[in-house]
Amino acid sequence: MFEGFTSHTVAVGNDIEIAAVVGGDGPPLLLLHGYPQTHACWCKIAPALAKRFTVVAADLRGYGASSKPPGGGDHAMYSKRAMAADQVALMRAFGFGRFRLVGHDRGARVAHRLALDHPEVVKRLAVLDICPTATMYAATDKDFATAYYHWFFLIQPADFPERMIANNTHDYIRRTIASWCRTDGAFDEAAMRHYVEAYFDPAAIHAACEDYRAAATIDLAHDAESDAAGIQLTAPLLALWGSRGTIGRMFDVLGSWRAKSEGSVEGRAIDCGHFLPEEAPEATLQALLDFF
């Protein structure tokens, strides 16, 4: 998937190792994937980005080949603060003290917290197909709960969702991806099999649930603390979303990010569903190149 890239596993502290592939030459660019995926989601655009940047495509804590620790009672092991710190340490290990940052889905939530906690390291920030977590939870109604049912399923106490997913992992992952995709042929069988097989590990299922449990608890507390302290994003921000997905239909995407930002905010919809880098790689690539 990543010809010319090299694979790395980096110890980032607290017994956590983060897996990543690195390729290209130029200013550093960190790519963070979402659920239920791995760094492989960038395979259609990373080689082209590597012509202009040193690209680091990482697996988040709990995903892919990265460490998958138990969540703990307060879910702090999967707070976006902890997951963001992993990625800052990863980039420092590669010698990058400041970098451009792209996150999709869960990776964009990690990127949001990273840019709040470590503004000095983020040169420019792109978030794909999300609005801020607190904004989305605050808008919960029947339509939102129907479209985002997984938010409320995955946060149920352990190990109920873990057991349900493990009972039929193939069907759950395939149906989840299919239900959010709006572009025929975006995922070939090899890609789908890769994502499914990543969840054959019970620790990966638990980690993903903990990611969502953290989002509904400790992450909201961290966001509220940042809001109360008047801490906002300072890096220029690009928001992209799928025109045939849910985010743009339910939310004022640019308005929601402007409410969280002191810096410039720009963006637009792209003709696809949720998985921008795989459903609309050319348009996503061009938008990122223009912005960075």
C-alpha atoms as a PDB file:
ATOM      1  CA  MET A   1       0.000   0.000   0.000  1.00  0.00           C
ATOM      2  CA  PHE A   2       2.872   2.394   0.779  1.00  0.00           C
ATOM      3  CA  GLU A   3       5.621   1.682  -1.732  1.00  0.00           C
ATOM      4  CA  GLY A   4       8.808   3.494  -0.829  1.00  0.00           C
ATOM      5  CA  PHE A   5       7.711   4.060   2.778  1.00  0.00           C
ATOM      6  CA  THR A   6       9.492   2.500   5.746  1.00  0.00           C
ATOM      7  CA  SER A   7       7.719   0.899   8.717  1.00  0.00           C
ATOM      8  CA  HIS A   8       8.540   1.891  12.290  1.00  0.00           C
ATOM      9  CA  THR A   9       7.448   1.019  15.808  1.00  0.00           C
ATOM     10  CA  VAL A  10       8.382   3.758  18.272  1.00  0.00           C
ATOM     11  CA  ALA A  11       8.292   3.706  22.080  1.00  0.00           C
ATOM     12  CA  VAL A  12       6.587   6.944  23.142  1.00  0.00           C
ATOM     13  CA  GLY A  13       6.553   6.436  26.920  1.00  0.00           C
ATOM     14  CA  ASN A  14       4.316   4.782  29.509  1.00  0.00           C
ATOM     15  CA  ASP A  15       4.870   1.385  27.867  1.00  0.00           C
ATOM     16  CA  ILE A  16       3.123   2.556  24.686  1.00  0.00           C
ATOM     17  CA  GLU A  17       4.474   1.873  21.214  1.00  0.00           C
ATOM     18  CA  ILE A  18       3.097   3.618  18.128  1.00  0.00           C
ATOM     19  CA  ALA A  19       3.378   2.067  14.676  1.00  0.00           C
ATOM     20  CA  ALA A  20       3.817   4.269  11.634  1.00  0.00           C
ATOM     21  CA  VAL A  21       5.013   4.329   8.054  1.00  0.00           C
ATOM     22  CA  VAL A  22       7.235   7.158   6.862  1.00  0.00           C
ATOM     23  CA  GLY A  23       7.990   8.293   3.332  1.00  0.00           C
ATOM     24  CA  GLY A  24       8.908  11.232   1.183  1.00  0.00           C
ATOM     25  CA  ASP A  25      10.999  14.326   1.651  1.00  0.00           C
ATOM     26  CA  GLY A  26      10.186  17.857   2.709  1.00  0.00           C
ATOM     27  CA  PRO A  27       8.296  19.470   5.606  1.00  0.00           C
ATOM     28  CA  PRO A  28       6.789  16.925   8.037  1.00  0.00           C
ATOM     29  CA  LEU A  29       3.122  15.989   7.718  1.00  0.00           C
ATOM     30  CA  LEU A  30       1.356  13.696  10.211  1.00  0.00           C
ATOM     31  CA  LEU A  31      -1.726  11.720   9.090  1.00  0.00           C
ATOM     32  CA  LEU A  32      -4.115  10.256  11.689  1.00  0.00           C
ATOM     33  CA  HIS A  33      -6.846   7.762  10.748  1.00  0.00           C
ATOM     34  CA  GLY A  34     -10.314   7.134  12.153  1.00  0.00           C
ATOM     35  CA  TYR A  35     -12.593   4.264  13.174  1.00  0.00           C
ATOM     36  CA  PRO A  36     -12.746   1.410  12.281  1.00  0.00           C
ATOM     37  CA  GLN A  37      -9.536   1.831  10.339  1.00  0.00           C
ATOM     38  CA  THR A  38      -5.739   2.063  10.493  1.00  0.00           C
ATOM     39  CA  HIS A  39      -3.080   4.177   8.804  1.00  0.00           C
ATOM     40  CA  ALA A  40      -3.989   2.244   5.641  1.00  0.00           C
ATOM     41  CA  CYS A  41      -6.834   4.704   5.016  1.00  0.00           C
ATOM     42  CA  TRP A  42      -4.249   7.113   3.561  1.00  0.00           C
ATOM     43  CA  CYS A  43      -2.859   4.675   0.997  1.00  0.00           C
ATOM     44  CA  LYS A  44      -4.483   6.409  -1.997  1.00  0.00           C
ATOM     45  CA  ILE A  45      -3.070   9.864  -1.218  1.00  0.00           C
ATOM     46  CA  ALA A  46       0.052   9.347   0.924  1.00  0.00           C
ATOM     47  CA  PRO A  47       2.380   8.588  -2.045  1.00  0.00           C
ATOM     48  CA  ALA A  48       1.371  11.822  -3.762  1.00  0.00           C
ATOM     49  CA  LEU A  49       1.731  13.808  -0.540  1.00  0.00           C
ATOM     50  CA  ALA A  50       5.185  12.273  -0.116  1.00  0.00           C
ATOM     51  CA  LYS A  51       6.329  14.083  -3.257  1.00  0.00           C
ATOM     52  CA  ARG A  52       6.018  17.347  -1.310  1.00  0.00           C
ATOM     53  CA  PHE A  53       6.261  16.332   2.354  1.00  0.00           C
ATOM     54  CA  THR A  54       7.848  13.853   4.714  1.00  0.00           C
ATOM     55  CA  VAL A  55       4.684  11.896   5.450  1.00  0.00           C
ATOM     56  CA  VAL A  56       4.140  10.046   8.722  1.00  0.00           C
ATOM     57  CA  ALA A  57       1.003   7.884   8.704  1.00  0.00           C
ATOM     58  CA  ALA A  58       0.512   6.512  12.197  1.00  0.00           C
ATOM     59  CA  ASP A  59      -1.766   4.024  13.912  1.00  0.00           C
ATOM     60  CA  LEU A  60      -3.474   5.627  16.879  1.00  0.00           C
ATOM     61  CA  ARG A  61      -3.084   4.069  20.309  1.00  0.00           C
ATOM     62  CA  GLY A  62      -5.454   1.087  20.370  1.00  0.00           C
ATOM     63  CA  TYR A  63      -5.559   0.670  16.610  1.00  0.00           C
ATOM     64  CA  GLY A  64      -3.639  -1.268  13.972  1.00  0.00           C
ATOM     65  CA  ALA A  65      -0.184  -2.292  15.117  1.00  0.00           C
ATOM     66  CA  SER A  66       0.065   0.242  17.960  1.00  0.00           C
ATOM     67  CA  SER A  67      -0.188  -0.690  21.650  1.00  0.00           C
ATOM     68  CA  LYS A  68      -3.609  -1.569  23.040  1.00  0.00           C
ATOM     69  CA  PRO A  69      -3.553  -1.138  26.821  1.00  0.00           C
ATOM     70  CA  PRO A  70      -6.621  -1.805  28.991  1.00  0.00           C
ATOM     71  CA  GLY A  71      -8.793   1.274  29.300  1.00  0.00           C
ATOM     72  CA  GLY A  72      -9.062   1.624  33.060  1.00  0.00           C
ATOM     73  CA  GLY A  73     -12.013   2.781  35.089  1.00  0.00           C
ATOM     74  CA  ASP A  74     -11.877   6.441  34.044  1.00  0.00           C
ATOM     75  CA  HIS A  75     -10.978   5.697  30.389  1.00  0.00           C
ATOM     76  CA  ALA A  76      -7.978   8.026  30.721  1.00  0.00           C
ATOM     77  CA  MET A  77      -5.754   5.635  28.787  1.00  0.00           C
ATOM     78  CA  TYR A  78      -7.810   6.529  25.703  1.00  0.00           C
ATOM     79  CA  SER A  79      -8.391  10.191  26.365  1.00  0.00           C
ATOM     80  CA  LYS A  80      -7.624  12.289  23.328  1.00  0.00           C
ATOM     81  CA  ARG A  81      -5.065  14.061  25.513  1.00  0.00           C
ATOM     82  CA  ALA A  82      -3.143  10.798  26.013  1.00  0.00           C
ATOM     83  CA  MET A  83      -3.536   9.763  22.377  1.00  0.00           C
ATOM     84  CA  ALA A  84      -2.351  13.198  21.221  1.00  0.00           C
ATOM     85  CA  ALA A  85       0.710  13.022  23.464  1.00  0.00           C
ATOM     86  CA  ASP A  86       1.615   9.722  21.779  1.00  0.00           C
ATOM     87  CA  GLN A  87       1.725  11.419  18.417  1.00  0.00           C
ATOM     88  CA  VAL A  88       3.756  14.403  19.607  1.00  0.00           C
ATOM     89  CA  ALA A  89       6.311  11.976  21.064  1.00  0.00           C
ATOM     90  CA  LEU A  90       6.305   9.992  17.819  1.00  0.00           C
ATOM     91  CA  MET A  91       7.073  13.050  15.729  1.00  0.00           C
ATOM     92  CA  ARG A  92       9.792  14.162  18.147  1.00  0.00           C
ATOM     93  CA  ALA A  93      11.370  10.711  17.851  1.00  0.00           C
ATOM     94  CA  PHE A  94      11.604  11.316  14.109  1.00  0.00           C
ATOM     95  CA  GLY A  95      13.168  14.731  14.746  1.00  0.00           C
ATOM     96  CA  PHE A  96      10.078  16.805  13.973  1.00  0.00           C
ATOM     97  CA  GLY A  97       9.335  19.486  16.549  1.00  0.00           C
ATOM     98  CA  ARG A  98       6.734  21.236  14.381  1.00  0.00           C
ATOM     99  CA  PHE A  99       4.562  19.757  11.672  1.00  0.00           C
ATOM    100  CA  ARG A 100       1.426  19.915   9.569  1.00  0.00           C
ATOM    101  CA  LEU A 101      -1.393  17.699  10.798  1.00  0.00           C
ATOM    102  CA  VAL A 102      -4.353  15.924   9.176  1.00  0.00           C
ATOM    103  CA  GLY A 103      -6.924  13.847  11.040  1.00  0.00           C
ATOM    104  CA  HIS A 104      -9.939  11.921   9.820  1.00  0.00           C
ATOM    105  CA  ASP A 105     -12.787  10.865  12.124  1.00  0.00           C
ATOM    106  CA  ARG A 106     -11.251   9.742  15.478  1.00  0.00           C
ATOM    107  CA  GLY A 107      -7.878  10.922  14.259  1.00  0.00           C
ATOM    108  CA  ALA A 108      -9.327  14.394  13.787  1.00  0.00           C
ATOM    109  CA  ARG A 109     -10.526  14.365  17.403  1.00  0.00           C
ATOM    110  CA  VAL A 110      -7.013  13.458  18.500  1.00  0.00           C
ATOM    111  CA  ALA A 111      -5.690  16.209  16.225  1.00  0.00           C
ATOM    112  CA  HIS A 112      -8.091  18.752  17.768  1.00  0.00           C
ATOM    113  CA  ARG A 113      -6.843  17.979  21.285  1.00  0.00           C
ATOM    114  CA  LEU A 114      -3.219  17.858  20.088  1.00  0.00           C
ATOM    115  CA  ALA A 115      -3.538  21.362  18.642  1.00  0.00           C
ATOM    116  CA  LEU A 116      -5.083  22.638  21.907  1.00  0.00           C
ATOM    117  CA  ASP A 117      -2.529  21.017  24.209  1.00  0.00           C
ATOM    118  CA  HIS A 118       0.537  21.519  22.003  1.00  0.00           C
ATOM    119  CA  PRO A 119      -0.131  24.581  19.822  1.00  0.00           C
ATOM    120  CA  GLU A 120       3.580  25.179  19.381  1.00  0.00           C
ATOM    121  CA  VAL A 121       4.012  21.994  17.326  1.00  0.00           C
ATOM    122  CA  VAL A 122       1.119  22.409  14.869  1.00  0.00           C
ATOM    123  CA  LYS A 123       1.859  24.547  11.830  1.00  0.00           C
ATOM    124  CA  ARG A 124      -1.463  23.947  10.068  1.00  0.00           C
ATOM    125  CA  LEU A 125      -4.375  21.632  10.884  1.00  0.00           C
ATOM    126  CA  ALA A 126      -6.886  19.813   8.670  1.00  0.00           C
ATOM    127  CA  VAL A 127      -9.886  17.924  10.104  1.00  0.00           C
ATOM    128  CA  LEU A 128     -11.908  15.557   7.926  1.00  0.00           C
ATOM    129  CA  ASP A 129     -15.619  14.876   8.397  1.00  0.00           C
ATOM    130  CA  ILE A 130     -16.084  15.896  12.008  1.00  0.00           C
ATOM    131  CA  CYS A 131     -17.328  18.753  14.131  1.00  0.00           C
ATOM    132  CA  PRO A 132     -16.050  19.216  17.704  1.00  0.00           C
ATOM    133  CA  THR A 133     -17.115  16.353  19.960  1.00  0.00           C
ATOM    134  CA  ALA A 134     -18.922  18.509  22.521  1.00  0.00           C
ATOM    135  CA  THR A 135     -20.793  20.326  19.743  1.00  0.00           C
ATOM    136  CA  MET A 136     -22.048  17.053  18.351  1.00  0.00           C
ATOM    137  CA  TYR A 137     -23.102  15.565  21.681  1.00  0.00           C
ATOM    138  CA  ALA A 138     -24.951  18.778  22.562  1.00  0.00           C
ATOM    139  CA  ALA A 139     -27.053  18.410  19.401  1.00  0.00           C
ATOM    140  CA  THR A 140     -28.231  14.889  20.192  1.00  0.00           C
ATOM    141  CA  ASP A 141     -31.755  14.189  19.003  1.00  0.00           C
ATOM    142  CA  LYS A 142     -33.493  11.292  17.263  1.00  0.00           C
ATOM    143  CA  ASP A 143     -31.851  11.966  13.886  1.00  0.00           C
ATOM    144  CA  PHE A 144     -28.380  12.279  15.393  1.00  0.00           C
ATOM    145  CA  ALA A 145     -28.781   9.185  17.568  1.00  0.00           C
ATOM    146  CA  THR A 146     -29.961   7.200  14.548  1.00  0.00           C
ATOM    147  CA  ALA A 147     -27.070   8.290  12.326  1.00  0.00           C
ATOM    148  CA  TYR A 148     -24.485   7.997  15.104  1.00  0.00           C
ATOM    149  CA  TYR A 149     -25.908   5.001  16.936  1.00  0.00           C
ATOM    150  CA  HIS A 150     -22.387   3.579  17.306  1.00  0.00           C
ATOM    151  CA  TRP A 151     -21.439   6.472  19.612  1.00  0.00           C
ATOM    152  CA  PHE A 152     -24.045   5.269  22.084  1.00  0.00           C
ATOM    153  CA  PHE A 153     -23.470   1.549  21.532  1.00  0.00           C
ATOM    154  CA  LEU A 154     -19.692   1.616  21.958  1.00  0.00           C
ATOM    155  CA  ILE A 155     -19.809   3.652  25.193  1.00  0.00           C
ATOM    156  CA  GLN A 156     -21.862   1.025  27.021  1.00  0.00           C
ATOM    157  CA  PRO A 157     -20.022  -0.530  29.987  1.00  0.00           C
ATOM    158  CA  ALA A 158     -17.443  -3.220  29.291  1.00  0.00           C
ATOM    159  CA  ASP A 159     -17.673  -5.815  28.154  1.00  0.00           C
ATOM    160  CA  PHE A 160     -21.111  -5.680  26.532  1.00  0.00           C
ATOM    161  CA  PRO A 161     -20.199  -4.029  23.189  1.00  0.00           C
ATOM    162  CA  GLU A 162     -16.918  -5.936  23.100  1.00  0.00           C
ATOM    163  CA  ARG A 163     -18.748  -9.263  23.263  1.00  0.00           C
ATOM    164  CA  MET A 164     -21.338  -8.215  20.690  1.00  0.00           C
ATOM    165  CA  ILE A 165     -18.683  -7.153  18.153  1.00  0.00           C
ATOM    166  CA  ALA A 166     -16.490 -10.194  18.794  1.00  0.00           C
ATOM    167  CA  ASN A 167     -19.482 -12.442  18.143  1.00  0.00           C
ATOM    168  CA  ASN A 168     -19.544 -11.409  14.462  1.00  0.00           C
ATOM    169  CA  THR A 169     -16.568  -9.193  13.710  1.00  0.00           C
ATOM    170  CA  HIS A 170     -16.681  -9.743   9.946  1.00  0.00           C
ATOM    171  CA  ASP A 171     -20.246  -8.510   9.597  1.00  0.00           C
ATOM    172  CA  TYR A 172     -19.952  -5.655  12.088  1.00  0.00           C
ATOM    173  CA  ILE A 173     -16.896  -4.023  10.512  1.00  0.00           C
ATOM    174  CA  ARG A 174     -18.085  -4.535   6.942  1.00  0.00           C
ATOM    175  CA  ARG A 175     -21.548  -3.157   7.696  1.00  0.00           C
ATOM    176  CA  THR A 176     -20.111  -0.198   9.582  1.00  0.00           C
ATOM    177  CA  ILE A 177     -17.860   0.826   6.701  1.00  0.00           C
ATOM    178  CA  ALA A 178     -20.545   0.178   4.078  1.00  0.00           C
ATOM    179  CA  SER A 179     -23.124   2.246   5.963  1.00  0.00           C
ATOM    180  CA  TRP A 180     -20.867   5.331   6.034  1.00  0.00           C
ATOM    181  CA  CYS A 181     -19.534   5.003   2.478  1.00  0.00           C
ATOM    182  CA  ARG A 182     -21.422   6.607  -0.432  1.00  0.00           C
ATOM    183  CA  THR A 183     -19.051   5.738  -3.284  1.00  0.00           C
ATOM    184  CA  ASP A 184     -19.207   2.417  -5.089  1.00  0.00           C
ATOM    185  CA  GLY A 185     -15.849   0.678  -5.364  1.00  0.00           C
ATOM    186  CA  ALA A 186     -14.082   2.867  -2.803  1.00  0.00           C
ATOM    187  CA  PHE A 187     -12.990  -0.210  -0.851  1.00  0.00           C
ATOM    188  CA  ASP A 188     -11.624  -3.247  -2.649  1.00  0.00           C
ATOM    189  CA  GLU A 189     -11.682  -6.629  -0.950  1.00  0.00           C
ATOM    190  CA  ALA A 190      -8.049  -6.398   0.162  1.00  0.00           C
ATOM    191  CA  ALA A 191      -8.689  -3.109   1.977  1.00  0.00           C
ATOM    192  CA  MET A 192     -11.868  -4.379   3.582  1.00  0.00           C
ATOM    193  CA  ARG A 193     -10.161  -7.566   4.699  1.00  0.00           C
ATOM    194  CA  HIS A 194      -7.337  -5.524   6.241  1.00  0.00           C
ATOM    195  CA  TYR A 195      -9.780  -3.508   8.349  1.00  0.00           C
ATOM    196  CA  VAL A 196     -11.765  -6.564   9.397  1.00  0.00           C
ATOM    197  CA  GLU A 197      -8.686  -8.556  10.377  1.00  0.00           C
ATOM    198  CA  ALA A 198      -7.440  -5.673  12.532  1.00  0.00           C
ATOM    199  CA  TYR A 199     -10.370  -6.427  14.855  1.00  0.00           C
ATOM    200  CA  PHE A 200      -9.738 -10.121  15.249  1.00  0.00           C
ATOM    201  CA  ASP A 201      -7.697  -9.088  18.302  1.00  0.00           C
ATOM    202  CA  PRO A 202     -10.041  -8.684  21.326  1.00  0.00           C
ATOM    203  CA  ALA A 203      -7.715  -5.961  22.613  1.00  0.00           C
ATOM    204  CA  ALA A 204      -8.424  -3.914  19.476  1.00  0.00           C
ATOM    205  CA  ILE A 205     -12.188  -4.165  20.006  1.00  0.00           C
ATOM    206  CA  HIS A 206     -11.800  -3.124  23.643  1.00  0.00           C
ATOM    207  CA  ALA A 207      -9.502  -0.241  22.699  1.00  0.00           C
ATOM    208  CA  ALA A 208     -11.967   1.148  20.160  1.00  0.00           C
ATOM    209  CA  CYS A 209     -14.767   0.996  22.733  1.00  0.00           C
ATOM    210  CA  GLU A 210     -12.533   2.777  25.227  1.00  0.00           C
ATOM    211  CA  ASP A 211     -11.782   5.464  22.640  1.00  0.00           C
ATOM    212  CA  TYR A 212     -15.515   6.190  22.425  1.00  0.00           C
ATOM    213  CA  ARG A 213     -16.067   5.852  26.182  1.00  0.00           C
ATOM    214  CA  ALA A 214     -13.345   8.432  26.735  1.00  0.00           C
ATOM    215  CA  ALA A 215     -15.015  10.738  24.201  1.00  0.00           C
ATOM    216  CA  ALA A 216     -18.241  10.662  26.214  1.00  0.00           C
ATOM    217  CA  THR A 217     -16.566  11.279  29.580  1.00  0.00           C
ATOM    218  CA  ILE A 218     -13.011  12.471  30.184  1.00  0.00           C
ATOM    219  CA  ASP A 219     -12.667  14.121  26.768  1.00  0.00           C
ATOM    220  CA  LEU A 220     -15.763  16.237  27.399  1.00  0.00           C
ATOM    221  CA  ALA A 221     -14.292  17.257  30.749  1.00  0.00           C
ATOM    222  CA  HIS A 222     -11.032  18.281  29.080  1.00  0.00           C
ATOM    223  CA  ASP A 223     -12.942  20.218  26.420  1.00  0.00           C
ATOM    224  CA  ALA A 224     -14.989  22.026  29.068  1.00  0.00           C
ATOM    225  CA  GLU A 225     -11.797  22.937  30.936  1.00  0.00           C
ATOM    226  CA  SER A 226     -10.271  24.348  27.756  1.00  0.00           C
ATOM    227  CA  ASP A 227     -13.416  26.339  27.007  1.00  0.00           C
ATOM    228  CA  ALA A 228     -13.559  27.715  30.552  1.00  0.00           C
ATOM    229  CA  ALA A 229      -9.926  28.792  30.304  1.00  0.00           C
ATOM    230  CA  GLY A 230     -10.535  30.449  26.941  1.00  0.00           C
ATOM    231  CA  ILE A 231      -8.117  28.112  25.158  1.00  0.00           C
ATOM    232  CA  GLN A 232      -8.840  27.948  21.441  1.00  0.00           C
ATOM    233  CA  LEU A 233      -7.163  26.631  18.340  1.00  0.00           C
ATOM    234  CA  THR A 234      -4.543  28.990  16.955  1.00  0.00           C
ATOM    235  CA  ALA A 235      -3.254  27.154  13.878  1.00  0.00           C
ATOM    236  CA  PRO A 236      -4.943  27.828  10.523  1.00  0.00           C
ATOM    237  CA  LEU A 237      -7.606  25.158  10.078  1.00  0.00           C
ATOM    238  CA  LEU A 238      -9.091  23.400   7.068  1.00  0.00           C
ATOM    239  CA  ALA A 239     -12.348  21.471   7.527  1.00  0.00           C
ATOM    240  CA  LEU A 240     -13.449  19.047   4.812  1.00  0.00           C
ATOM    241  CA  TRP A 241     -16.542  16.886   4.867  1.00  0.00           C
ATOM    242  CA  GLY A 242     -18.492  14.553   2.621  1.00  0.00           C
ATOM    243  CA  SER A 243     -21.396  16.205   0.846  1.00  0.00           C
ATOM    244  CA  ARG A 244     -23.270  12.888   0.829  1.00  0.00           C
ATOM    245  CA  GLY A 245     -22.492  12.129   4.457  1.00  0.00           C
ATOM    246  CA  THR A 246     -24.070  13.200   7.734  1.00  0.00           C
ATOM    247  CA  ILE A 247     -21.877  15.981   9.139  1.00  0.00           C
ATOM    248  CA  GLY A 248     -22.752  18.636   6.574  1.00  0.00           C
ATOM    249  CA  ARG A 249     -26.458  17.802   6.722  1.00  0.00           C
ATOM    250  CA  MET A 250     -26.719  18.083  10.498  1.00  0.00           C
ATOM    251  CA  PHE A 251     -24.150  20.745  11.386  1.00  0.00           C
ATOM    252  CA  ASP A 252     -22.738  24.105  10.384  1.00  0.00           C
ATOM    253  CA  VAL A 253     -19.270  22.652   9.987  1.00  0.00           C
ATOM    254  CA  LEU A 254     -17.323  25.862   9.432  1.00  0.00           C
ATOM    255  CA  GLY A 255     -19.312  27.724  12.078  1.00  0.00           C
ATOM    256  CA  SER A 256     -18.633  25.019  14.646  1.00  0.00           C
ATOM    257  CA  TRP A 257     -14.876  25.223  14.059  1.00  0.00           C
ATOM    258  CA  ARG A 258     -14.823  29.020  13.998  1.00  0.00           C
ATOM    259  CA  ALA A 259     -16.378  28.923  17.459  1.00  0.00           C
ATOM    260  CA  LYS A 260     -13.346  26.940  18.650  1.00  0.00           C
ATOM    261  CA  SER A 261     -10.648  28.876  16.788  1.00  0.00           C
ATOM    262  CA  GLU A 262      -8.747  32.120  17.033  1.00  0.00           C
ATOM    263  CA  GLY A 263      -7.037  31.488  13.716  1.00  0.00           C
ATOM    264  CA  SER A 264      -8.415  31.300  10.212  1.00  0.00           C
ATOM    265  CA  VAL A 265     -10.926  28.578   9.321  1.00  0.00           C
ATOM    266  CA  GLU A 266     -11.739  27.500   5.784  1.00  0.00           C
ATOM    267  CA  GLY A 267     -13.190  24.443   4.121  1.00  0.00           C
ATOM    268  CA  ARG A 268     -15.778  22.849   1.917  1.00  0.00           C
ATOM    269  CA  ALA A 269     -17.742  19.730   1.173  1.00  0.00           C
ATOM    270  CA  ILE A 270     -16.340  17.053  -1.116  1.00  0.00           C
ATOM    271  CA  ASP A 271     -18.551  14.802  -3.226  1.00  0.00           C
ATOM    272  CA  CYS A 272     -18.479  11.585  -1.181  1.00  0.00           C
ATOM    273  CA  GLY A 273     -19.577  10.009   2.064  1.00  0.00           C
ATOM    274  CA  HIS A 274     -17.569   9.746   5.279  1.00  0.00           C
ATOM    275  CA  PHE A 275     -14.316   8.249   3.996  1.00  0.00           C
ATOM    276  CA  LEU A 276     -12.824  11.181   2.094  1.00  0.00           C
ATOM    277  CA  PRO A 277      -9.300   9.806   1.499  1.00  0.00           C
ATOM    278  CA  GLU A 278     -10.658   6.593   0.009  1.00  0.00           C
ATOM    279  CA  GLU A 279     -13.917   7.721  -1.634  1.00  0.00           C
ATOM    280  CA  ALA A 280     -12.586  10.949  -3.166  1.00  0.00           C
ATOM    281  CA  PRO A 281      -8.782  10.724  -3.078  1.00  0.00           C
ATOM    282  CA  GLU A 282      -8.108  13.193  -5.903  1.00  0.00           C
ATOM    283  CA  ALA A 283     -10.300  15.953  -4.483  1.00  0.00           C
ATOM    284  CA  THR A 284      -9.065  15.339  -0.940  1.00  0.00           C
ATOM    285  CA  LEU A 285      -5.451  15.378  -2.068  1.00  0.00           C
ATOM    286  CA  GLN A 286      -5.862  18.625  -3.975  1.00  0.00           C
ATOM    287  CA  ALA A 287      -7.613  20.336  -1.060  1.00  0.00           C
ATOM    288  CA  LEU A 288      -4.791  19.320   1.287  1.00  0.00           C
ATOM    289  CA  LEU A 289      -2.071  20.397  -1.139  1.00  0.00           C
ATOM    290  CA  ASP A 290      -3.757  23.772  -1.621  1.00  0.00           C
ATOM    291  CA  PHE A 291      -4.051  24.300   2.115  1.00  0.00           C
ATOM    292  CA  PHE A 292      -0.587  23.117   3.130  1.00  0.00           C
END
